[in-house]
Amino acid sequence: MAKVESFTLDHTAVKAPYVRLITRETGTKGDVISNFDLRLVQPNTNAIPTAGLHTIEHLLAGYLRDEMNGVIDCSPFGCRTGFHLITWGEQSTEEVAKALKVALHRIAFDTEWKDVQGTDKYSCGNYRDHSLFSAKEWCKDILDKGISKDPFKREVI
């Protein structure tokens, strides 16, 4: 089985919340994609409940695209501690952290239920499992801690 970089990371050594570049890959035609670890809560210490995480996922899908070019996908980790962000090109962790901070602030303070995309049975595979209240509370807590551009030392942006 191929080794997956994320599973070689010492999850006891990181200091969440942070943004970490996992890898950059160049395709056969020269296209570059970047994969980022958007770690919102400390691994093995906390986890965002699924309803709140699900709502954050739906909101980040739009808000991150508003803040930065080249977003391909933003998908939650199964451990519920954060997200993978896949982008075209070579953004820095600082650029991504700034965009994430703006997106989380919008969720925490500006978003109403009507703003959440994909909340019916036609547009979501588990539309009943959402909580804007939970999403807002978690985003406030994450913002209070600050988002670091380094996973091992606090370099809050």
N, C-alpha and C. Protein backbone atom coordinates (compact mmCIF):
# COMPACT_ATOMS: atom_id res chain seq x y z
N MET A 1 0.84 -1.18 0.00
CA MET A 1 0.00 0.00 0.00
C MET A 1 0.89 1.24 0.00
N ALA A 2 0.48 2.24 -0.76
CA ALA A 2 1.23 3.50 -0.83
C ALA A 2 1.19 4.21 0.52
N LYS A 3 2.30 4.85 0.87
CA LYS A 3 2.35 5.64 2.10
C LYS A 3 1.62 6.97 1.87
N VAL A 4 0.81 7.34 2.81
CA VAL A 4 0.07 8.60 2.75
C VAL A 4 0.73 9.57 3.73
N GLU A 5 1.18 10.71 3.22
CA GLU A 5 1.93 11.66 4.02
C GLU A 5 1.20 12.05 5.30
N SER A 6 -0.09 12.28 5.22
CA SER A 6 -0.85 12.73 6.39
C SER A 6 -0.80 11.72 7.54
N PHE A 7 -0.63 10.44 7.21
CA PHE A 7 -0.58 9.41 8.25
C PHE A 7 0.82 9.24 8.82
N THR A 8 1.81 9.96 8.26
CA THR A 8 3.15 9.94 8.84
C THR A 8 3.39 11.16 9.74
N LEU A 9 2.45 12.11 9.72
CA LEU A 9 2.53 13.31 10.56
C LEU A 9 2.34 12.92 12.03
N ASP A 10 3.22 13.42 12.89
CA ASP A 10 3.06 13.19 14.33
C ASP A 10 1.95 14.12 14.84
N HIS A 11 0.78 13.56 15.01
CA HIS A 11 -0.38 14.35 15.43
C HIS A 11 -0.28 14.85 16.87
N THR A 12 0.67 14.34 17.64
CA THR A 12 0.88 14.83 19.01
C THR A 12 1.79 16.05 19.04
N ALA A 13 2.48 16.34 17.92
CA ALA A 13 3.44 17.44 17.89
C ALA A 13 2.86 18.73 17.33
N VAL A 14 1.71 18.65 16.65
CA VAL A 14 1.14 19.84 16.02
C VAL A 14 0.38 20.69 17.03
N LYS A 15 0.21 21.96 16.66
CA LYS A 15 -0.48 22.93 17.52
C LYS A 15 -1.58 23.62 16.71
N ALA A 16 -2.77 23.08 16.78
CA ALA A 16 -3.91 23.61 16.02
C ALA A 16 -4.50 24.83 16.74
N PRO A 17 -5.15 25.69 16.00
CA PRO A 17 -5.47 25.69 14.58
C PRO A 17 -4.28 26.16 13.73
N TYR A 18 -4.16 25.57 12.54
CA TYR A 18 -3.07 25.93 11.63
C TYR A 18 -3.42 25.56 10.20
N VAL A 19 -2.59 26.07 9.28
CA VAL A 19 -2.60 25.67 7.88
C VAL A 19 -1.24 25.07 7.58
N ARG A 20 -1.24 23.90 6.94
CA ARG A 20 0.01 23.21 6.60
C ARG A 20 -0.07 22.74 5.16
N LEU A 21 1.01 22.99 4.42
CA LEU A 21 1.11 22.43 3.08
C LEU A 21 1.45 20.95 3.21
N ILE A 22 0.59 20.08 2.69
CA ILE A 22 0.86 18.65 2.72
C ILE A 22 1.75 18.26 1.54
N THR A 23 1.36 18.70 0.35
CA THR A 23 2.13 18.36 -0.84
C THR A 23 1.78 19.28 -1.99
N ARG A 24 2.72 19.36 -2.92
CA ARG A 24 2.47 19.98 -4.23
C ARG A 24 2.79 18.91 -5.25
N GLU A 25 1.93 18.77 -6.22
CA GLU A 25 2.16 17.77 -7.25
C GLU A 25 2.00 18.42 -8.61
N THR A 26 2.83 17.96 -9.55
CA THR A 26 2.77 18.46 -10.91
C THR A 26 2.27 17.34 -11.81
N GLY A 27 1.23 17.63 -12.57
CA GLY A 27 0.66 16.65 -13.48
C GLY A 27 1.50 16.48 -14.73
N THR A 28 1.11 15.54 -15.54
CA THR A 28 1.87 15.22 -16.76
C THR A 28 1.90 16.37 -17.76
N LYS A 29 0.95 17.29 -17.67
CA LYS A 29 0.93 18.45 -18.57
C LYS A 29 1.46 19.71 -17.89
N GLY A 30 2.04 19.55 -16.69
CA GLY A 30 2.66 20.67 -15.99
C GLY A 30 1.76 21.42 -15.03
N ASP A 31 0.50 21.00 -14.92
CA ASP A 31 -0.40 21.65 -13.97
C ASP A 31 0.01 21.30 -12.55
N VAL A 32 0.01 22.31 -11.68
CA VAL A 32 0.39 22.13 -10.28
C VAL A 32 -0.86 22.19 -9.41
N ILE A 33 -0.97 21.21 -8.49
CA ILE A 33 -2.01 21.29 -7.46
C ILE A 33 -1.32 21.27 -6.10
N SER A 34 -1.95 21.94 -5.15
CA SER A 34 -1.46 21.97 -3.77
C SER A 34 -2.52 21.38 -2.86
N ASN A 35 -2.09 20.62 -1.87
CA ASN A 35 -2.98 20.01 -0.89
C ASN A 35 -2.60 20.56 0.48
N PHE A 36 -3.55 21.23 1.13
CA PHE A 36 -3.31 21.84 2.43
C PHE A 36 -4.11 21.13 3.52
N ASP A 37 -3.53 21.09 4.69
CA ASP A 37 -4.16 20.61 5.92
C ASP A 37 -4.67 21.85 6.65
N LEU A 38 -5.99 22.01 6.70
CA LEU A 38 -6.60 23.10 7.47
C LEU A 38 -7.05 22.50 8.79
N ARG A 39 -6.17 22.49 9.77
CA ARG A 39 -6.46 21.84 11.06
C ARG A 39 -7.11 22.85 11.97
N LEU A 40 -8.35 22.61 12.32
CA LEU A 40 -9.12 23.58 13.10
C LEU A 40 -9.09 23.30 14.60
N VAL A 41 -8.99 22.04 14.99
CA VAL A 41 -8.94 21.69 16.41
C VAL A 41 -7.80 20.71 16.65
N GLN A 42 -7.34 20.66 17.88
CA GLN A 42 -6.20 19.83 18.24
C GLN A 42 -6.53 18.34 18.09
N PRO A 43 -5.75 17.61 17.29
CA PRO A 43 -6.00 16.18 17.12
C PRO A 43 -5.97 15.44 18.46
N ASN A 44 -6.82 14.45 18.57
CA ASN A 44 -6.91 13.56 19.72
C ASN A 44 -7.26 14.27 21.03
N THR A 45 -7.65 15.53 20.92
CA THR A 45 -8.08 16.30 22.08
C THR A 45 -9.53 16.73 21.92
N ASN A 46 -9.88 17.04 20.67
CA ASN A 46 -11.21 17.53 20.38
C ASN A 46 -11.60 17.11 18.98
N ALA A 47 -12.88 17.20 18.67
CA ALA A 47 -13.40 16.93 17.33
C ALA A 47 -14.69 17.72 17.17
N ILE A 48 -14.88 18.28 16.00
CA ILE A 48 -16.09 19.06 15.73
C ILE A 48 -17.23 18.08 15.46
N PRO A 49 -18.36 18.20 16.15
CA PRO A 49 -19.50 17.30 15.89
C PRO A 49 -19.92 17.36 14.42
N THR A 50 -20.43 16.24 13.92
CA THR A 50 -20.69 16.13 12.49
C THR A 50 -21.62 17.20 11.94
N ALA A 51 -22.67 17.55 12.65
CA ALA A 51 -23.62 18.54 12.12
C ALA A 51 -22.94 19.90 11.93
N GLY A 52 -22.15 20.33 12.89
CA GLY A 52 -21.42 21.60 12.76
C GLY A 52 -20.36 21.54 11.69
N LEU A 53 -19.62 20.43 11.65
CA LEU A 53 -18.58 20.25 10.63
C LEU A 53 -19.19 20.24 9.23
N HIS A 54 -20.33 19.59 9.10
CA HIS A 54 -21.02 19.51 7.81
C HIS A 54 -21.42 20.90 7.33
N THR A 55 -21.92 21.73 8.22
CA THR A 55 -22.31 23.08 7.86
C THR A 55 -21.08 23.92 7.54
N ILE A 56 -20.02 23.79 8.32
CA ILE A 56 -18.76 24.49 8.00
C ILE A 56 -18.29 24.08 6.62
N GLU A 57 -18.36 22.79 6.30
CA GLU A 57 -17.94 22.30 4.98
C GLU A 57 -18.71 23.01 3.86
N HIS A 58 -20.03 23.05 3.99
CA HIS A 58 -20.84 23.68 2.95
C HIS A 58 -20.51 25.16 2.80
N LEU A 59 -20.26 25.83 3.90
CA LEU A 59 -19.95 27.26 3.85
C LEU A 59 -18.54 27.53 3.35
N LEU A 60 -17.57 26.73 3.78
CA LEU A 60 -16.20 26.91 3.28
C LEU A 60 -16.14 26.70 1.77
N ALA A 61 -16.96 25.80 1.24
CA ALA A 61 -16.96 25.54 -0.20
C ALA A 61 -17.18 26.82 -0.99
N GLY A 62 -18.05 27.68 -0.50
CA GLY A 62 -18.28 28.96 -1.18
C GLY A 62 -17.37 30.07 -0.71
N TYR A 63 -17.22 30.21 0.60
CA TYR A 63 -16.46 31.34 1.14
C TYR A 63 -14.97 31.29 0.77
N LEU A 64 -14.38 30.11 0.75
CA LEU A 64 -12.96 30.04 0.34
C LEU A 64 -12.80 30.41 -1.13
N ARG A 65 -13.77 30.01 -1.95
CA ARG A 65 -13.72 30.39 -3.37
C ARG A 65 -13.88 31.91 -3.53
N ASP A 66 -14.61 32.55 -2.63
CA ASP A 66 -14.73 34.01 -2.67
C ASP A 66 -13.40 34.68 -2.33
N GLU A 67 -12.60 34.04 -1.49
CA GLU A 67 -11.38 34.65 -0.95
C GLU A 67 -10.11 34.34 -1.72
N MET A 68 -10.11 33.24 -2.49
CA MET A 68 -8.89 32.87 -3.21
C MET A 68 -9.21 32.18 -4.52
N ASN A 69 -8.34 32.34 -5.46
CA ASN A 69 -8.49 31.69 -6.76
C ASN A 69 -7.96 30.27 -6.71
N GLY A 70 -8.51 29.42 -7.54
CA GLY A 70 -7.95 28.10 -7.73
C GLY A 70 -8.43 27.03 -6.79
N VAL A 71 -9.46 27.27 -6.00
CA VAL A 71 -9.95 26.23 -5.09
C VAL A 71 -10.59 25.12 -5.93
N ILE A 72 -10.11 23.90 -5.72
CA ILE A 72 -10.69 22.73 -6.37
C ILE A 72 -11.67 22.06 -5.43
N ASP A 73 -11.25 21.82 -4.18
CA ASP A 73 -12.12 21.12 -3.24
C ASP A 73 -11.68 21.40 -1.81
N CYS A 74 -12.64 21.39 -0.91
CA CYS A 74 -12.39 21.49 0.52
C CYS A 74 -13.23 20.41 1.19
N SER A 75 -12.58 19.38 1.71
CA SER A 75 -13.28 18.21 2.24
C SER A 75 -12.86 17.93 3.67
N PRO A 76 -13.81 17.53 4.53
CA PRO A 76 -13.48 17.30 5.94
C PRO A 76 -12.66 16.02 6.14
N PHE A 77 -11.81 16.06 7.15
CA PHE A 77 -11.11 14.86 7.60
C PHE A 77 -12.12 13.97 8.31
N GLY A 78 -11.97 12.68 8.17
CA GLY A 78 -12.83 11.74 8.88
C GLY A 78 -12.73 11.88 10.39
N CYS A 79 -11.59 12.33 10.89
CA CYS A 79 -11.39 12.51 12.34
C CYS A 79 -12.10 13.75 12.87
N ARG A 80 -12.64 14.56 11.97
CA ARG A 80 -13.42 15.75 12.32
C ARG A 80 -12.60 16.85 13.01
N THR A 81 -11.31 16.93 12.66
CA THR A 81 -10.46 17.97 13.23
C THR A 81 -10.11 19.06 12.23
N GLY A 82 -10.55 18.92 11.00
CA GLY A 82 -10.24 19.92 9.99
C GLY A 82 -10.58 19.45 8.59
N PHE A 83 -9.89 20.05 7.60
CA PHE A 83 -10.22 19.85 6.20
C PHE A 83 -8.96 19.72 5.34
N HIS A 84 -9.11 19.00 4.24
CA HIS A 84 -8.15 19.07 3.14
C HIS A 84 -8.63 20.19 2.23
N LEU A 85 -7.73 21.05 1.79
CA LEU A 85 -8.02 22.05 0.78
C LEU A 85 -7.12 21.75 -0.41
N ILE A 86 -7.72 21.48 -1.55
CA ILE A 86 -6.97 21.21 -2.78
C ILE A 86 -7.13 22.43 -3.68
N THR A 87 -6.00 22.96 -4.17
CA THR A 87 -6.04 24.15 -5.03
C THR A 87 -5.16 23.94 -6.26
N TRP A 88 -5.48 24.69 -7.30
CA TRP A 88 -4.56 24.83 -8.42
C TRP A 88 -3.46 25.78 -8.00
N GLY A 89 -2.24 25.55 -8.43
CA GLY A 89 -1.16 26.50 -8.23
C GLY A 89 -0.44 26.36 -6.91
N GLU A 90 0.25 27.43 -6.54
CA GLU A 90 1.20 27.37 -5.42
C GLU A 90 0.96 28.48 -4.40
N GLN A 91 -0.19 28.51 -3.77
CA GLN A 91 -0.45 29.48 -2.72
C GLN A 91 0.43 29.17 -1.50
N SER A 92 0.73 30.20 -0.74
CA SER A 92 1.50 30.01 0.49
C SER A 92 0.56 29.65 1.63
N THR A 93 1.12 29.08 2.70
CA THR A 93 0.29 28.79 3.87
C THR A 93 -0.27 30.08 4.47
N GLU A 94 0.47 31.16 4.37
CA GLU A 94 -0.03 32.44 4.89
C GLU A 94 -1.23 32.93 4.10
N GLU A 95 -1.18 32.82 2.77
CA GLU A 95 -2.32 33.23 1.93
C GLU A 95 -3.55 32.40 2.28
N VAL A 96 -3.35 31.09 2.41
CA VAL A 96 -4.47 30.20 2.73
C VAL A 96 -5.01 30.50 4.12
N ALA A 97 -4.11 30.73 5.08
CA ALA A 97 -4.55 31.03 6.45
C ALA A 97 -5.36 32.33 6.49
N LYS A 98 -4.96 33.32 5.72
CA LYS A 98 -5.71 34.58 5.68
C LYS A 98 -7.11 34.35 5.09
N ALA A 99 -7.19 33.58 4.01
CA ALA A 99 -8.49 33.28 3.40
C ALA A 99 -9.36 32.48 4.36
N LEU A 100 -8.76 31.51 5.04
CA LEU A 100 -9.50 30.70 6.01
C LEU A 100 -10.03 31.57 7.14
N LYS A 101 -9.21 32.48 7.62
CA LYS A 101 -9.63 33.36 8.70
C LYS A 101 -10.84 34.19 8.29
N VAL A 102 -10.82 34.75 7.10
CA VAL A 102 -11.95 35.54 6.60
C VAL A 102 -13.19 34.66 6.49
N ALA A 103 -13.03 33.45 5.95
CA ALA A 103 -14.16 32.54 5.77
C ALA A 103 -14.77 32.15 7.12
N LEU A 104 -13.93 31.81 8.09
CA LEU A 104 -14.42 31.44 9.41
C LEU A 104 -15.12 32.62 10.09
N HIS A 105 -14.59 33.82 9.90
CA HIS A 105 -15.22 35.01 10.46
C HIS A 105 -16.61 35.22 9.85
N ARG A 106 -16.72 35.01 8.55
CA ARG A 106 -18.03 35.14 7.90
C ARG A 106 -19.02 34.13 8.46
N ILE A 107 -18.54 32.89 8.67
CA ILE A 107 -19.42 31.87 9.25
C ILE A 107 -19.86 32.29 10.65
N ALA A 108 -18.89 32.68 11.47
CA ALA A 108 -19.15 32.98 12.88
C ALA A 108 -20.07 34.18 13.07
N PHE A 109 -19.92 35.20 12.24
CA PHE A 109 -20.57 36.47 12.54
C PHE A 109 -21.54 37.00 11.47
N ASP A 110 -21.45 36.51 10.25
CA ASP A 110 -22.25 37.11 9.18
C ASP A 110 -23.28 36.17 8.55
N THR A 111 -23.16 34.88 8.80
CA THR A 111 -23.97 33.91 8.08
C THR A 111 -25.31 33.65 8.76
N GLU A 112 -26.34 33.59 7.95
CA GLU A 112 -27.66 33.19 8.40
C GLU A 112 -28.00 31.87 7.71
N TRP A 113 -29.00 31.16 8.21
CA TRP A 113 -29.36 29.86 7.65
C TRP A 113 -29.61 29.94 6.15
N LYS A 114 -30.22 31.01 5.68
CA LYS A 114 -30.53 31.16 4.25
C LYS A 114 -29.26 31.21 3.40
N ASP A 115 -28.10 31.49 4.01
CA ASP A 115 -26.83 31.57 3.28
C ASP A 115 -26.18 30.20 3.08
N VAL A 116 -26.63 29.18 3.79
CA VAL A 116 -26.00 27.86 3.72
C VAL A 116 -26.52 27.14 2.48
N GLN A 117 -25.61 26.86 1.53
CA GLN A 117 -25.98 26.15 0.31
C GLN A 117 -26.12 24.65 0.59
N GLY A 118 -26.95 24.00 -0.20
CA GLY A 118 -27.02 22.54 -0.16
C GLY A 118 -27.64 21.98 1.10
N THR A 119 -28.82 22.44 1.46
CA THR A 119 -29.43 21.97 2.70
C THR A 119 -30.78 21.30 2.47
N ASP A 120 -31.01 20.81 1.27
CA ASP A 120 -32.24 20.05 1.02
C ASP A 120 -31.88 18.69 0.42
N LYS A 121 -32.86 17.82 0.31
CA LYS A 121 -32.59 16.45 -0.12
C LYS A 121 -32.13 16.37 -1.57
N TYR A 122 -32.32 17.42 -2.34
CA TYR A 122 -31.91 17.43 -3.73
C TYR A 122 -30.44 17.81 -3.90
N SER A 123 -29.89 18.54 -2.92
CA SER A 123 -28.54 19.09 -3.08
C SER A 123 -27.54 18.58 -2.06
N CYS A 124 -27.96 17.68 -1.16
CA CYS A 124 -27.06 17.17 -0.12
C CYS A 124 -27.42 15.74 0.21
N GLY A 125 -26.41 14.91 0.38
CA GLY A 125 -26.63 13.50 0.67
C GLY A 125 -27.03 13.19 2.10
N ASN A 126 -26.93 14.18 2.99
CA ASN A 126 -27.34 13.99 4.38
C ASN A 126 -27.83 15.34 4.91
N TYR A 127 -28.83 15.88 4.23
CA TYR A 127 -29.26 17.26 4.48
C TYR A 127 -29.80 17.51 5.88
N ARG A 128 -30.21 16.47 6.59
CA ARG A 128 -30.74 16.67 7.95
C ARG A 128 -29.63 16.87 9.00
N ASP A 129 -28.40 16.58 8.63
CA ASP A 129 -27.27 16.64 9.57
C ASP A 129 -26.50 17.95 9.42
N HIS A 130 -27.13 19.05 9.80
CA HIS A 130 -26.51 20.38 9.76
C HIS A 130 -26.80 21.11 11.06
N SER A 131 -25.89 21.99 11.45
CA SER A 131 -26.14 22.88 12.58
C SER A 131 -25.36 24.18 12.39
N LEU A 132 -26.08 25.22 12.02
CA LEU A 132 -25.43 26.52 11.88
C LEU A 132 -24.99 27.04 13.25
N PHE A 133 -25.78 26.78 14.29
CA PHE A 133 -25.38 27.21 15.64
C PHE A 133 -24.03 26.59 16.02
N SER A 134 -23.89 25.29 15.84
CA SER A 134 -22.64 24.61 16.15
C SER A 134 -21.50 25.16 15.30
N ALA A 135 -21.74 25.34 14.00
CA ALA A 135 -20.70 25.88 13.11
C ALA A 135 -20.23 27.24 13.60
N LYS A 136 -21.15 28.10 13.96
CA LYS A 136 -20.79 29.43 14.43
C LYS A 136 -19.96 29.38 15.72
N GLU A 137 -20.40 28.56 16.66
CA GLU A 137 -19.68 28.46 17.94
C GLU A 137 -18.27 27.91 17.75
N TRP A 138 -18.12 26.88 16.92
CA TRP A 138 -16.78 26.33 16.67
C TRP A 138 -15.90 27.35 15.96
N CYS A 139 -16.46 28.06 14.99
CA CYS A 139 -15.66 29.05 14.27
C CYS A 139 -15.21 30.18 15.20
N LYS A 140 -16.06 30.62 16.11
CA LYS A 140 -15.67 31.64 17.09
C LYS A 140 -14.51 31.15 17.95
N ASP A 141 -14.60 29.90 18.40
CA ASP A 141 -13.55 29.33 19.23
C ASP A 141 -12.22 29.23 18.46
N ILE A 142 -12.29 28.80 17.22
CA ILE A 142 -11.09 28.67 16.39
C ILE A 142 -10.47 30.05 16.17
N LEU A 143 -11.28 31.03 15.86
CA LEU A 143 -10.78 32.39 15.65
C LEU A 143 -10.17 32.96 16.92
N ASP A 144 -10.76 32.67 18.07
CA ASP A 144 -10.20 33.13 19.35
C ASP A 144 -8.79 32.59 19.57
N LYS A 145 -8.55 31.36 19.15
CA LYS A 145 -7.22 30.75 19.30
C LYS A 145 -6.23 31.29 18.28
N GLY A 146 -6.74 31.70 17.12
CA GLY A 146 -5.89 32.21 16.05
C GLY A 146 -5.40 31.09 15.14
N ILE A 147 -5.23 31.41 13.88
CA ILE A 147 -4.80 30.43 12.89
C ILE A 147 -3.32 30.67 12.59
N SER A 148 -2.53 29.62 12.79
CA SER A 148 -1.09 29.69 12.56
C SER A 148 -0.76 29.27 11.14
N LYS A 149 0.29 29.86 10.58
CA LYS A 149 0.77 29.43 9.27
C LYS A 149 1.82 28.32 9.41
N ASP A 150 2.05 27.87 10.63
CA ASP A 150 3.00 26.79 10.90
C ASP A 150 2.35 25.79 11.84
N PRO A 151 2.44 24.49 11.54
CA PRO A 151 1.78 23.50 12.38
C PRO A 151 2.48 23.20 13.70
N PHE A 152 3.75 23.55 13.83
CA PHE A 152 4.51 23.13 15.01
C PHE A 152 4.83 24.28 15.97
N LYS A 153 4.72 25.52 15.50
CA LYS A 153 4.89 26.66 16.39
C LYS A 153 3.82 27.68 16.03
N ARG A 154 3.38 28.39 17.01
CA ARG A 154 2.28 29.33 16.81
C ARG A 154 2.79 30.59 16.10
N GLU A 155 2.52 30.69 14.81
CA GLU A 155 2.78 31.89 14.02
C GLU A 155 1.43 32.38 13.49
N VAL A 156 0.67 32.96 14.40
CA VAL A 156 -0.70 33.35 14.10
C VAL A 156 -0.69 34.51 13.11
N ILE A 157 -1.56 34.39 12.11
CA ILE A 157 -1.65 35.46 11.10
C ILE A 157 -2.68 36.48 11.52
